[in-house]
Amino acid sequence: MGLYTRDMCFEFHQLLISTLPSYRMELNKLKKAYDNYGKRLNIQNLQAMEDCAQNVYEYGSLLWPIAYSQILQNHLSMLHQGGFSDCL
């Protein structure tokens, strides 16, 4: 796959498996903060919701370019072809 090496595959996989669960966790925190704010409209709950929204935005800003990158296509192709043992 050209410049996509075994080392790059490993590093990219580590990035994905650390970022995606964290993104999900932040989305869950945002939902909880939103629910809390809906139950009790106060400045503390609003601030918690804003903080969670900022974290979701930051993870999304990281994941968005990854989702549309050639490296993700290369990575998924390697996994699909059964070459995942080469990068893990």
PDB file of N, CA and C in Angstrom:
ATOM      1  N   MET A   1       0.815  -1.203   0.000  1.00  0.00           N
ATOM      2  CA  MET A   1       0.000   0.000   0.000  1.00  0.00           C
ATOM      3  C   MET A   1       0.853   1.260   0.000  1.00  0.00           C
ATOM      4  N   GLY A   2       1.965   1.173  -0.618  1.00  0.00           N
ATOM      5  CA  GLY A   2       2.787   2.364  -0.751  1.00  0.00           C
ATOM      6  C   GLY A   2       3.449   2.777   0.550  1.00  0.00           C
ATOM      7  N   LEU A   3       3.132   3.952   1.018  1.00  0.00           N
ATOM      8  CA  LEU A   3       3.755   4.497   2.213  1.00  0.00           C
ATOM      9  C   LEU A   3       3.147   3.969   3.508  1.00  0.00           C
ATOM     10  N   TYR A   4       2.086   3.202   3.426  1.00  0.00           N
ATOM     11  CA  TYR A   4       1.426   2.690   4.621  1.00  0.00           C
ATOM     12  C   TYR A   4       2.188   1.481   5.134  1.00  0.00           C
ATOM     13  N   THR A   5       3.000   1.687   6.151  1.00  0.00           N
ATOM     14  CA  THR A   5       3.882   0.652   6.673  1.00  0.00           C
ATOM     15  C   THR A   5       3.272  -0.047   7.880  1.00  0.00           C
ATOM     16  N   ARG A   6       3.928  -1.107   8.306  1.00  0.00           N
ATOM     17  CA  ARG A   6       3.474  -1.853   9.478  1.00  0.00           C
ATOM     18  C   ARG A   6       3.471  -0.951  10.717  1.00  0.00           C
ATOM     19  N   ASP A   7       4.519  -0.161  10.887  1.00  0.00           N
ATOM     20  CA  ASP A   7       4.595   0.751  12.039  1.00  0.00           C
ATOM     21  C   ASP A   7       3.473   1.779  11.996  1.00  0.00           C
ATOM     22  N   MET A   8       3.215   2.306  10.810  1.00  0.00           N
ATOM     23  CA  MET A   8       2.142   3.285  10.672  1.00  0.00           C
ATOM     24  C   MET A   8       0.797   2.641  10.980  1.00  0.00           C
ATOM     25  N   CYS A   9       0.619   1.415  10.545  1.00  0.00           N
ATOM     26  CA  CYS A   9      -0.627   0.693  10.799  1.00  0.00           C
ATOM     27  C   CYS A   9      -0.849   0.548  12.302  1.00  0.00           C
ATOM     28  N   PHE A  10       0.190   0.153  13.018  1.00  0.00           N
ATOM     29  CA  PHE A  10       0.083  -0.018  14.463  1.00  0.00           C
ATOM     30  C   PHE A  10      -0.258   1.307  15.141  1.00  0.00           C
ATOM     31  N   GLU A  11       0.470   2.362  14.789  1.00  0.00           N
ATOM     32  CA  GLU A  11       0.232   3.673  15.402  1.00  0.00           C
ATOM     33  C   GLU A  11      -1.170   4.185  15.084  1.00  0.00           C
ATOM     34  N   PHE A  12      -1.598   4.022  13.850  1.00  0.00           N
ATOM     35  CA  PHE A  12      -2.929   4.482  13.460  1.00  0.00           C
ATOM     36  C   PHE A  12      -3.997   3.697  14.208  1.00  0.00           C
ATOM     37  N   HIS A  13      -3.793   2.393  14.350  1.00  0.00           N
ATOM     38  CA  HIS A  13      -4.756   1.561  15.069  1.00  0.00           C
ATOM     39  C   HIS A  13      -4.836   2.002  16.536  1.00  0.00           C
ATOM     40  N   GLN A  14      -3.708   2.311  17.131  1.00  0.00           N
ATOM     41  CA  GLN A  14      -3.703   2.799  18.509  1.00  0.00           C
ATOM     42  C   GLN A  14      -4.478   4.106  18.629  1.00  0.00           C
ATOM     43  N   LEU A  15      -4.307   4.983  17.659  1.00  0.00           N
ATOM     44  CA  LEU A  15      -5.051   6.240  17.652  1.00  0.00           C
ATOM     45  C   LEU A  15      -6.554   5.976  17.600  1.00  0.00           C
ATOM     46  N   LEU A  16      -6.962   5.086  16.721  1.00  0.00           N
ATOM     47  CA  LEU A  16      -8.388   4.787  16.598  1.00  0.00           C
ATOM     48  C   LEU A  16      -8.966   4.164  17.854  1.00  0.00           C
ATOM     49  N   ILE A  17      -8.275   3.164  18.398  1.00  0.00           N
ATOM     50  CA  ILE A  17      -8.855   2.467  19.543  1.00  0.00           C
ATOM     51  C   ILE A  17      -8.787   3.299  20.821  1.00  0.00           C
ATOM     52  N   SER A  18      -8.018   4.356  20.825  1.00  0.00           N
ATOM     53  CA  SER A  18      -8.036   5.245  21.984  1.00  0.00           C
ATOM     54  C   SER A  18      -9.023   6.391  21.796  1.00  0.00           C
ATOM     55  N   THR A  19      -9.214   6.833  20.572  1.00  0.00           N
ATOM     56  CA  THR A  19     -10.063   7.989  20.312  1.00  0.00           C
ATOM     57  C   THR A  19     -11.550   7.630  20.253  1.00  0.00           C
ATOM     58  N   LEU A  20     -11.896   6.575  19.571  1.00  0.00           N
ATOM     59  CA  LEU A  20     -13.310   6.248  19.404  1.00  0.00           C
ATOM     60  C   LEU A  20     -14.035   5.968  20.720  1.00  0.00           C
ATOM     61  N   PRO A  21     -13.496   5.158  21.619  1.00  0.00           N
ATOM     62  CA  PRO A  21     -14.202   4.962  22.900  1.00  0.00           C
ATOM     63  C   PRO A  21     -14.285   6.245  23.731  1.00  0.00           C
ATOM     64  N   SER A  22     -13.256   7.068  23.651  1.00  0.00           N
ATOM     65  CA  SER A  22     -13.282   8.332  24.382  1.00  0.00           C
ATOM     66  C   SER A  22     -14.351   9.259  23.822  1.00  0.00           C
ATOM     67  N   TYR A  23     -14.482   9.271  22.517  1.00  0.00           N
ATOM     68  CA  TYR A  23     -15.520  10.070  21.865  1.00  0.00           C
ATOM     69  C   TYR A  23     -16.902   9.591  22.307  1.00  0.00           C
ATOM     70  N   ARG A  24     -17.085   8.287  22.329  1.00  0.00           N
ATOM     71  CA  ARG A  24     -18.372   7.731  22.781  1.00  0.00           C
ATOM     72  C   ARG A  24     -18.643   8.117  24.235  1.00  0.00           C
ATOM     73  N   MET A  25     -17.629   8.031  25.075  1.00  0.00           N
ATOM     74  CA  MET A  25     -17.788   8.385  26.482  1.00  0.00           C
ATOM     75  C   MET A  25     -18.205   9.851  26.627  1.00  0.00           C
ATOM     76  N   GLU A  26     -17.596  10.728  25.850  1.00  0.00           N
ATOM     77  CA  GLU A  26     -17.957  12.146  25.905  1.00  0.00           C
ATOM     78  C   GLU A  26     -19.371  12.388  25.392  1.00  0.00           C
ATOM     79  N   LEU A  27     -19.774  11.643  24.368  1.00  0.00           N
ATOM     80  CA  LEU A  27     -21.158  11.772  23.895  1.00  0.00           C
ATOM     81  C   LEU A  27     -22.139  11.349  24.980  1.00  0.00           C
ATOM     82  N   ASN A  28     -21.824  10.281  25.692  1.00  0.00           N
ATOM     83  CA  ASN A  28     -22.677   9.833  26.789  1.00  0.00           C
ATOM     84  C   ASN A  28     -22.729  10.870  27.909  1.00  0.00           C
ATOM     85  N   LYS A  29     -21.582  11.480  28.218  1.00  0.00           N
ATOM     86  CA  LYS A  29     -21.551  12.532  29.238  1.00  0.00           C
ATOM     87  C   LYS A  29     -22.396  13.728  28.805  1.00  0.00           C
ATOM     88  N   LEU A  30     -22.314  14.067  27.519  1.00  0.00           N
ATOM     89  CA  LEU A  30     -23.118  15.182  27.008  1.00  0.00           C
ATOM     90  C   LEU A  30     -24.597  14.881  27.133  1.00  0.00           C
ATOM     91  N   LYS A  31     -25.011  13.666  26.820  1.00  0.00           N
ATOM     92  CA  LYS A  31     -26.419  13.295  26.953  1.00  0.00           C
ATOM     93  C   LYS A  31     -26.866  13.401  28.404  1.00  0.00           C
ATOM     94  N   LYS A  32     -26.036  12.908  29.317  1.00  0.00           N
ATOM     95  CA  LYS A  32     -26.370  12.975  30.739  1.00  0.00           C
ATOM     96  C   LYS A  32     -26.468  14.433  31.202  1.00  0.00           C
ATOM     97  N   ALA A  33     -25.519  15.268  30.783  1.00  0.00           N
ATOM     98  CA  ALA A  33     -25.540  16.688  31.148  1.00  0.00           C
ATOM     99  C   ALA A  33     -26.777  17.368  30.571  1.00  0.00           C
ATOM    100  N   TYR A  34     -27.140  17.009  29.348  1.00  0.00           N
ATOM    101  CA  TYR A  34     -28.348  17.570  28.718  1.00  0.00           C
ATOM    102  C   TYR A  34     -29.601  17.158  29.493  1.00  0.00           C
ATOM    103  N   ASP A  35     -29.663  15.885  29.864  1.00  0.00           N
ATOM    104  CA  ASP A  35     -30.802  15.402  30.646  1.00  0.00           C
ATOM    105  C   ASP A  35     -30.874  16.111  31.999  1.00  0.00           C
ATOM    106  N   ASN A  36     -29.740  16.286  32.654  1.00  0.00           N
ATOM    107  CA  ASN A  36     -29.707  16.988  33.942  1.00  0.00           C
ATOM    108  C   ASN A  36     -30.148  18.434  33.797  1.00  0.00           C
ATOM    109  N   TYR A  37     -29.714  19.076  32.734  1.00  0.00           N
ATOM    110  CA  TYR A  37     -30.094  20.462  32.506  1.00  0.00           C
ATOM    111  C   TYR A  37     -31.599  20.564  32.237  1.00  0.00           C
ATOM    112  N   GLY A  38     -32.136  19.570  31.525  1.00  0.00           N
ATOM    113  CA  GLY A  38     -33.580  19.569  31.267  1.00  0.00           C
ATOM    114  C   GLY A  38     -34.395  19.385  32.532  1.00  0.00           C
ATOM    115  N   LYS A  39     -33.856  18.650  33.489  1.00  0.00           N
ATOM    116  CA  LYS A  39     -34.547  18.430  34.762  1.00  0.00           C
ATOM    117  C   LYS A  39     -34.439  19.640  35.693  1.00  0.00           C
ATOM    118  N   ARG A  40     -33.306  20.300  35.632  1.00  0.00           N
ATOM    119  CA  ARG A  40     -33.088  21.436  36.527  1.00  0.00           C
ATOM    120  C   ARG A  40     -32.272  22.496  35.792  1.00  0.00           C
ATOM    121  N   LEU A  41     -32.943  23.537  35.398  1.00  0.00           N
ATOM    122  CA  LEU A  41     -32.307  24.611  34.649  1.00  0.00           C
ATOM    123  C   LEU A  41     -31.527  25.510  35.613  1.00  0.00           C
ATOM    124  N   ASN A  42     -30.218  25.295  35.668  1.00  0.00           N
ATOM    125  CA  ASN A  42     -29.377  26.177  36.478  1.00  0.00           C
ATOM    126  C   ASN A  42     -28.028  26.351  35.789  1.00  0.00           C
ATOM    127  N   ILE A  43     -27.272  27.287  36.289  1.00  0.00           N
ATOM    128  CA  ILE A  43     -26.009  27.651  35.637  1.00  0.00           C
ATOM    129  C   ILE A  43     -24.975  26.529  35.724  1.00  0.00           C
ATOM    130  N   GLN A  44     -24.976  25.754  36.824  1.00  0.00           N
ATOM    131  CA  GLN A  44     -24.018  24.667  36.958  1.00  0.00           C
ATOM    132  C   GLN A  44     -24.278  23.577  35.922  1.00  0.00           C
ATOM    133  N   ASN A  45     -25.540  23.225  35.736  1.00  0.00           N
ATOM    134  CA  ASN A  45     -25.872  22.205  34.740  1.00  0.00           C
ATOM    135  C   ASN A  45     -25.606  22.713  33.329  1.00  0.00           C
ATOM    136  N   LEU A  46     -25.856  23.992  33.102  1.00  0.00           N
ATOM    137  CA  LEU A  46     -25.560  24.573  31.793  1.00  0.00           C
ATOM    138  C   LEU A  46     -24.054  24.545  31.530  1.00  0.00           C
ATOM    139  N   GLN A  47     -23.265  24.880  32.531  1.00  0.00           N
ATOM    140  CA  GLN A  47     -21.804  24.863  32.372  1.00  0.00           C
ATOM    141  C   GLN A  47     -21.302  23.452  32.110  1.00  0.00           C
ATOM    142  N   ALA A  48     -21.862  22.471  32.823  1.00  0.00           N
ATOM    143  CA  ALA A  48     -21.465  21.076  32.600  1.00  0.00           C
ATOM    144  C   ALA A  48     -21.783  20.658  31.171  1.00  0.00           C
ATOM    145  N   MET A  49     -22.944  21.070  30.674  1.00  0.00           N
ATOM    146  CA  MET A  49     -23.329  20.733  29.306  1.00  0.00           C
ATOM    147  C   MET A  49     -22.388  21.412  28.302  1.00  0.00           C
ATOM    148  N   GLU A  50     -22.026  22.650  28.557  1.00  0.00           N
ATOM    149  CA  GLU A  50     -21.094  23.354  27.665  1.00  0.00           C
ATOM    150  C   GLU A  50     -19.723  22.687  27.658  1.00  0.00           C
ATOM    151  N   ASP A  51     -19.246  22.278  28.827  1.00  0.00           N
ATOM    152  CA  ASP A  51     -17.951  21.601  28.902  1.00  0.00           C
ATOM    153  C   ASP A  51     -17.967  20.293  28.122  1.00  0.00           C
ATOM    154  N   CYS A  52     -19.033  19.524  28.281  1.00  0.00           N
ATOM    155  CA  CYS A  52     -19.148  18.262  27.544  1.00  0.00           C
ATOM    156  C   CYS A  52     -19.240  18.513  26.041  1.00  0.00           C
ATOM    157  N   ALA A  53     -19.981  19.523  25.654  1.00  0.00           N
ATOM    158  CA  ALA A  53     -20.114  19.851  24.232  1.00  0.00           C
ATOM    159  C   ALA A  53     -18.766  20.238  23.639  1.00  0.00           C
ATOM    160  N   GLN A  54     -17.953  20.959  24.410  1.00  0.00           N
ATOM    161  CA  GLN A  54     -16.622  21.340  23.935  1.00  0.00           C
ATOM    162  C   GLN A  54     -15.754  20.107  23.725  1.00  0.00           C
ATOM    163  N   ASN A  55     -15.817  19.152  24.645  1.00  0.00           N
ATOM    164  CA  ASN A  55     -15.039  17.918  24.501  1.00  0.00           C
ATOM    165  C   ASN A  55     -15.498  17.112  23.292  1.00  0.00           C
ATOM    166  N   VAL A  56     -16.806  17.024  23.087  1.00  0.00           N
ATOM    167  CA  VAL A  56     -17.340  16.321  21.917  1.00  0.00           C
ATOM    168  C   VAL A  56     -16.855  17.001  20.638  1.00  0.00           C
ATOM    169  N   TYR A  57     -16.870  18.321  20.636  1.00  0.00           N
ATOM    170  CA  TYR A  57     -16.397  19.068  19.474  1.00  0.00           C
ATOM    171  C   TYR A  57     -14.925  18.764  19.183  1.00  0.00           C
ATOM    172  N   GLU A  58     -14.100  18.716  20.221  1.00  0.00           N
ATOM    173  CA  GLU A  58     -12.672  18.461  20.027  1.00  0.00           C
ATOM    174  C   GLU A  58     -12.418  17.053  19.493  1.00  0.00           C
ATOM    175  N   TYR A  59     -13.107  16.060  20.036  1.00  0.00           N
ATOM    176  CA  TYR A  59     -12.965  14.701  19.500  1.00  0.00           C
ATOM    177  C   TYR A  59     -13.486  14.631  18.067  1.00  0.00           C
ATOM    178  N   GLY A  60     -14.605  15.272  17.813  1.00  0.00           N
ATOM    179  CA  GLY A  60     -15.149  15.285  16.456  1.00  0.00           C
ATOM    180  C   GLY A  60     -14.212  15.954  15.473  1.00  0.00           C
ATOM    181  N   SER A  61     -13.549  17.020  15.918  1.00  0.00           N
ATOM    182  CA  SER A  61     -12.594  17.716  15.056  1.00  0.00           C
ATOM    183  C   SER A  61     -11.396  16.840  14.731  1.00  0.00           C
ATOM    184  N   LEU A  62     -11.052  15.953  15.630  1.00  0.00           N
ATOM    185  CA  LEU A  62      -9.964  15.008  15.369  1.00  0.00           C
ATOM    186  C   LEU A  62     -10.433  13.881  14.450  1.00  0.00           C
ATOM    187  N   LEU A  63     -11.617  13.369  14.711  1.00  0.00           N
ATOM    188  CA  LEU A  63     -12.103  12.207  13.963  1.00  0.00           C
ATOM    189  C   LEU A  63     -12.585  12.542  12.552  1.00  0.00           C
ATOM    190  N   TRP A  64     -13.078  13.745  12.344  1.00  0.00           N
ATOM    191  CA  TRP A  64     -13.611  14.108  11.031  1.00  0.00           C
ATOM    192  C   TRP A  64     -12.574  13.943   9.917  1.00  0.00           C
ATOM    193  N   PRO A  65     -11.387  14.522  10.021  1.00  0.00           N
ATOM    194  CA  PRO A  65     -10.414  14.332   8.940  1.00  0.00           C
ATOM    195  C   PRO A  65      -9.933  12.888   8.821  1.00  0.00           C
ATOM    196  N   ILE A  66      -9.901  12.167   9.943  1.00  0.00           N
ATOM    197  CA  ILE A  66      -9.515  10.763   9.881  1.00  0.00           C
ATOM    198  C   ILE A  66     -10.531   9.970   9.066  1.00  0.00           C
ATOM    199  N   ALA A  67     -11.800  10.265   9.282  1.00  0.00           N
ATOM    200  CA  ALA A  67     -12.861   9.525   8.603  1.00  0.00           C
ATOM    201  C   ALA A  67     -12.779   9.658   7.090  1.00  0.00           C
ATOM    202  N   TYR A  68     -12.267  10.770   6.611  1.00  0.00           N
ATOM    203  CA  TYR A  68     -12.196  10.995   5.169  1.00  0.00           C
ATOM    204  C   TYR A  68     -10.776  10.910   4.626  1.00  0.00           C
ATOM    205  N   SER A  69      -9.900  10.267   5.368  1.00  0.00           N
ATOM    206  CA  SER A  69      -8.503  10.206   4.943  1.00  0.00           C
ATOM    207  C   SER A  69      -8.205   8.913   4.190  1.00  0.00           C
ATOM    208  N   GLN A  70      -7.182   8.972   3.388  1.00  0.00           N
ATOM    209  CA  GLN A  70      -6.717   7.790   2.672  1.00  0.00           C
ATOM    210  C   GLN A  70      -6.148   6.761   3.643  1.00  0.00           C
ATOM    211  N   ILE A  71      -5.565   7.225   4.728  1.00  0.00           N
ATOM    212  CA  ILE A  71      -4.968   6.291   5.680  1.00  0.00           C
ATOM    213  C   ILE A  71      -6.041   5.396   6.305  1.00  0.00           C
ATOM    214  N   LEU A  72      -7.223   5.924   6.556  1.00  0.00           N
ATOM    215  CA  LEU A  72      -8.297   5.076   7.087  1.00  0.00           C
ATOM    216  C   LEU A  72      -8.698   4.035   6.048  1.00  0.00           C
ATOM    217  N   GLN A  73      -8.778   4.430   4.799  1.00  0.00           N
ATOM    218  CA  GLN A  73      -9.105   3.468   3.737  1.00  0.00           C
ATOM    219  C   GLN A  73      -8.029   2.390   3.646  1.00  0.00           C
ATOM    220  N   ASN A  74      -6.770   2.791   3.725  1.00  0.00           N
ATOM    221  CA  ASN A  74      -5.678   1.815   3.701  1.00  0.00           C
ATOM    222  C   ASN A  74      -5.759   0.877   4.898  1.00  0.00           C
ATOM    223  N   HIS A  75      -6.025   1.432   6.048  1.00  0.00           N
ATOM    224  CA  HIS A  75      -6.109   0.641   7.268  1.00  0.00           C
ATOM    225  C   HIS A  75      -7.241  -0.379   7.179  1.00  0.00           C
ATOM    226  N   LEU A  76      -8.406   0.074   6.781  1.00  0.00           N
ATOM    227  CA  LEU A  76      -9.549  -0.831   6.667  1.00  0.00           C
ATOM    228  C   LEU A  76      -9.327  -1.880   5.588  1.00  0.00           C
ATOM    229  N   SER A  77      -8.677  -1.485   4.509  1.00  0.00           N
ATOM    230  CA  SER A  77      -8.369  -2.437   3.449  1.00  0.00           C
ATOM    231  C   SER A  77      -7.425  -3.521   3.950  1.00  0.00           C
ATOM    232  N   MET A  78      -6.418  -3.113   4.716  1.00  0.00           N
ATOM    233  CA  MET A  78      -5.472  -4.081   5.259  1.00  0.00           C
ATOM    234  C   MET A  78      -6.184  -5.032   6.226  1.00  0.00           C
ATOM    235  N   LEU A  79      -7.055  -4.506   7.058  1.00  0.00           N
ATOM    236  CA  LEU A  79      -7.808  -5.352   7.985  1.00  0.00           C
ATOM    237  C   LEU A  79      -8.726  -6.309   7.219  1.00  0.00           C
ATOM    238  N   HIS A  80      -9.363  -5.799   6.176  1.00  0.00           N
ATOM    239  CA  HIS A  80     -10.282  -6.610   5.378  1.00  0.00           C
ATOM    240  C   HIS A  80      -9.541  -7.739   4.650  1.00  0.00           C
ATOM    241  N   GLN A  81      -8.350  -7.454   4.178  1.00  0.00           N
ATOM    242  CA  GLN A  81      -7.568  -8.451   3.447  1.00  0.00           C
ATOM    243  C   GLN A  81      -6.927  -9.474   4.373  1.00  0.00           C
ATOM    244  N   GLY A  82      -7.135  -9.304   5.658  1.00  0.00           N
ATOM    245  CA  GLY A  82      -6.564 -10.257   6.614  1.00  0.00           C
ATOM    246  C   GLY A  82      -5.150  -9.917   7.009  1.00  0.00           C
ATOM    247  N   GLY A  83      -4.693  -8.757   6.644  1.00  0.00           N
ATOM    248  CA  GLY A  83      -3.333  -8.364   6.986  1.00  0.00           C
ATOM    249  C   GLY A  83      -3.253  -7.691   8.343  1.00  0.00           C
ATOM    250  N   PHE A  84      -4.317  -7.786   9.120  1.00  0.00           N
ATOM    251  CA  PHE A  84      -4.321  -7.087  10.397  1.00  0.00           C
ATOM    252  C   PHE A  84      -3.263  -7.625  11.356  1.00  0.00           C
ATOM    253  N   SER A  85      -2.867  -8.863  11.187  1.00  0.00           N
ATOM    254  CA  SER A  85      -1.817  -9.385  12.072  1.00  0.00           C
ATOM    255  C   SER A  85      -0.488  -8.688  11.804  1.00  0.00           C
ATOM    256  N   ASP A  86      -0.341  -8.097  10.610  1.00  0.00           N
ATOM    257  CA  ASP A  86       0.870  -7.369  10.304  1.00  0.00           C
ATOM    258  C   ASP A  86       0.967  -6.049  11.050  1.00  0.00           C
ATOM    259  N   CYS A  87      -0.178  -5.509  11.458  1.00  0.00           N
ATOM    260  CA  CYS A  87      -0.108  -4.200  12.106  1.00  0.00           C
ATOM    261  C   CYS A  87      -0.420  -4.291  13.590  1.00  0.00           C
ATOM    262  N   LEU A  88      -0.866  -5.417  14.069  1.00  0.00           N
ATOM    263  CA  LEU A  88      -1.152  -5.538  15.489  1.00  0.00           C
ATOM    264  C   LEU A  88      -0.177  -6.475  16.067  1.00  0.00           C
TER     265      LEU A  88
END
